[in-house]
Protein backbone atom coordinates (compact mmCIF):
# COMPACT_ATOMS: atom_id res chain seq x y z
CA MET A 1 0.06 -0.12 -0.04
CA ASN A 2 1.44 3.40 -0.94
CA GLN A 3 -0.39 6.07 1.51
CA VAL A 4 1.21 8.87 3.10
CA GLY A 5 -0.05 11.39 5.78
CA LEU A 6 1.72 14.60 6.72
CA VAL A 7 1.18 17.76 9.13
CA GLY A 8 3.34 20.69 8.36
CA ARG A 9 3.86 24.23 7.43
CA LEU A 10 4.56 25.40 3.70
CA THR A 11 8.09 26.80 3.75
CA LYS A 12 7.37 29.16 0.94
CA ASP A 13 4.12 30.43 -1.44
CA PRO A 14 3.09 27.42 -3.31
CA SER A 15 3.90 27.73 -7.24
CA SER A 16 0.95 27.17 -9.47
CA TRP A 17 0.43 27.12 -13.47
CA THR A 18 -2.11 25.90 -15.95
CA LEU A 19 -1.41 23.51 -18.57
CA SER A 20 -2.27 23.85 -22.30
CA GLU A 21 -5.31 21.66 -21.80
CA GLY A 22 -6.57 23.41 -18.73
CA ARG A 23 -5.34 21.44 -15.84
CA VAL A 24 -3.80 23.24 -12.92
CA HIS A 25 -0.65 21.94 -11.23
CA THR A 26 0.51 23.39 -7.85
CA THR A 27 3.86 22.26 -6.26
CA PHE A 28 4.98 23.43 -2.55
CA ILE A 29 7.24 22.06 0.07
CA VAL A 30 6.05 21.26 3.43
CA ALA A 31 8.31 21.24 6.96
CA VAL A 32 7.26 18.33 9.08
CA SER A 33 8.97 18.50 12.39
CA ARG A 34 10.02 15.29 13.94
CA ASN A 35 8.77 13.56 17.03
CA PHE A 36 12.21 13.82 18.87
CA LYS A 37 15.12 16.11 19.70
CA ASN A 38 18.43 15.49 18.52
CA GLN A 39 21.64 15.63 20.54
CA LYS A 40 21.69 19.37 20.81
CA GLY A 41 18.04 19.07 22.07
CA GLU A 42 16.72 20.62 18.87
CA ILE A 43 13.42 19.46 17.02
CA GLU A 44 14.74 18.76 13.48
CA SER A 45 12.17 19.04 10.44
CA ASP A 46 12.09 17.27 7.11
CA PHE A 47 11.24 19.25 3.93
CA VAL A 48 9.08 17.52 1.92
CA LEU A 49 8.03 18.11 -1.91
CA CYS A 50 4.51 17.89 -2.64
CA SER A 51 2.24 18.32 -5.71
CA THR A 52 -1.24 18.63 -6.78
CA TRP A 53 -3.75 18.90 -9.60
CA GLY A 54 -7.08 20.12 -10.33
CA ARG A 55 -9.35 22.01 -7.79
CA HIS A 56 -6.92 20.77 -5.13
CA ALA A 57 -4.25 22.71 -6.74
CA VAL A 58 -6.58 25.81 -7.37
CA ASN A 59 -7.31 26.08 -3.63
CA VAL A 60 -3.81 25.43 -2.30
CA ALA A 61 -2.44 28.25 -4.85
CA LYS A 62 -5.32 30.63 -3.48
CA TYR A 63 -5.33 29.88 0.32
CA CYS A 64 -2.00 28.98 1.30
CA VAL A 65 0.92 30.66 1.88
CA LYS A 66 4.40 30.36 3.27
CA GLY A 67 3.85 29.49 6.91
CA SER A 68 0.30 27.95 6.27
CA LEU A 69 -0.49 24.75 8.26
CA VAL A 70 -1.62 21.92 6.24
CA ALA A 71 -2.51 18.14 6.78
CA ILE A 72 -1.90 16.24 3.34
CA SER A 73 -2.96 12.80 2.37
CA GLY A 74 -1.62 11.16 -0.59
CA ARG A 75 0.91 8.77 -2.13
CA LEU A 76 4.76 8.51 -2.65
CA GLN A 77 5.89 9.06 -6.21
CA SER A 78 9.21 8.97 -7.82
CA ARG A 79 10.40 10.27 -11.03
CA HIS A 80 13.48 11.32 -12.70
CA TYR A 81 14.64 13.43 -15.94
CA ASP A 82 17.76 14.10 -17.77
CA LYS A 83 19.53 17.25 -17.59
CA GLU A 84 21.03 18.99 -20.75
CA ASP A 85 24.44 17.94 -19.52
CA GLY A 86 23.36 14.37 -19.50
CA SER A 87 23.11 13.56 -15.88
CA ARG A 88 19.91 12.01 -14.53
CA ILE A 89 17.85 13.74 -11.64
CA TYR A 90 15.45 11.57 -9.30
CA VAL A 91 12.67 13.38 -7.37
CA THR A 92 10.62 11.88 -4.78
CA GLU A 93 7.45 13.90 -3.91
CA ILE A 94 4.13 13.13 -2.40
CA ALA A 95 1.09 13.21 -4.91
CA ALA A 96 -1.49 14.75 -2.53
CA ASP A 97 -4.63 13.55 -3.26
CA GLN A 98 -6.35 15.55 -0.47
CA VAL A 99 -5.02 19.05 1.46
CA ARG A 100 -6.93 20.42 4.52
CA PHE A 101 -6.14 23.67 5.57
CA LEU A 102 -5.88 23.70 9.39
CA ASP A 103 -5.33 27.89 9.79
CA ARG A 104 -6.69 30.60 8.24
CA ARG A 105 -4.58 32.67 5.30
CA LYS A 106 -2.94 35.69 6.70
CA ALA A 107 -3.84 37.43 3.75
CA GLN A 108 -7.04 37.12 4.38
CA GLU A 109 -7.05 38.54 7.74
CA GLU A 110 -5.37 41.88 6.26
CA THR A 111 -7.75 42.11 3.63
CA ALA A 112 -10.93 41.57 6.07
CA PRO A 113 -13.34 44.48 5.80
CA ILE A 114 -12.90 46.92 8.59
CA GLN A 115 -16.08 48.11 10.41
CA LYS A 116 -16.43 51.68 10.25
CA GLU A 117 -16.56 53.54 13.78
CA PRO A 118 -19.82 55.61 14.26
CA GLU A 119 -19.52 59.02 13.70
CA SER A 120 -22.68 60.47 15.24
CA GLU A 121 -25.45 59.19 17.57
CA ALA A 122 -27.53 58.71 14.04
CA ASP A 123 -24.82 56.02 13.58
CA PHE A 124 -25.81 53.75 16.64
CA ASP A 125 -28.97 51.47 17.25
CA PHE A 126 -30.56 52.86 20.29
CA PRO A 127 -33.47 50.48 21.77
CA VAL A 128 -36.48 51.97 21.70
CA PRO A 129 -38.14 52.25 25.41
CA GLU A 130 -41.39 50.80 25.88
CA ALA A 131 -43.96 53.00 27.02
CA GLU A 132 -44.45 52.96 30.82
CA PRO A 133 -48.04 51.37 31.90
CA ALA A 134 -50.26 54.09 33.10
CA ASN A 135 -51.47 53.62 36.93
CA ALA A 136 -55.05 54.22 37.36
């Protein structure tokens, strides 16, 4: 079975592009902390290349930025290509089938609509007092 699950933070903004047939492809790198400390008492991280297609690719590009916390499920995928000098480059990445956003996008917080402060009493909504009962 080839199944991978990761939780980590993006190390930089995702890279996204649209292919000629209209398919969207997005790649990003996720820093995943290890569950133990090294000899110096520091927590180390692994940096994992991830790739996704279609609507997941569009959503990652739209809602994720450097530092976003994401949960990824997918499969491990290896590929290779040859450089111009004839050397072969091997790449191992996570082909993400699902990406969950675990925190809000910081850019959304910056562009959230700002409520205007009331400038006069006319801008306030005051409750209308009920009429007092008349004593007979």
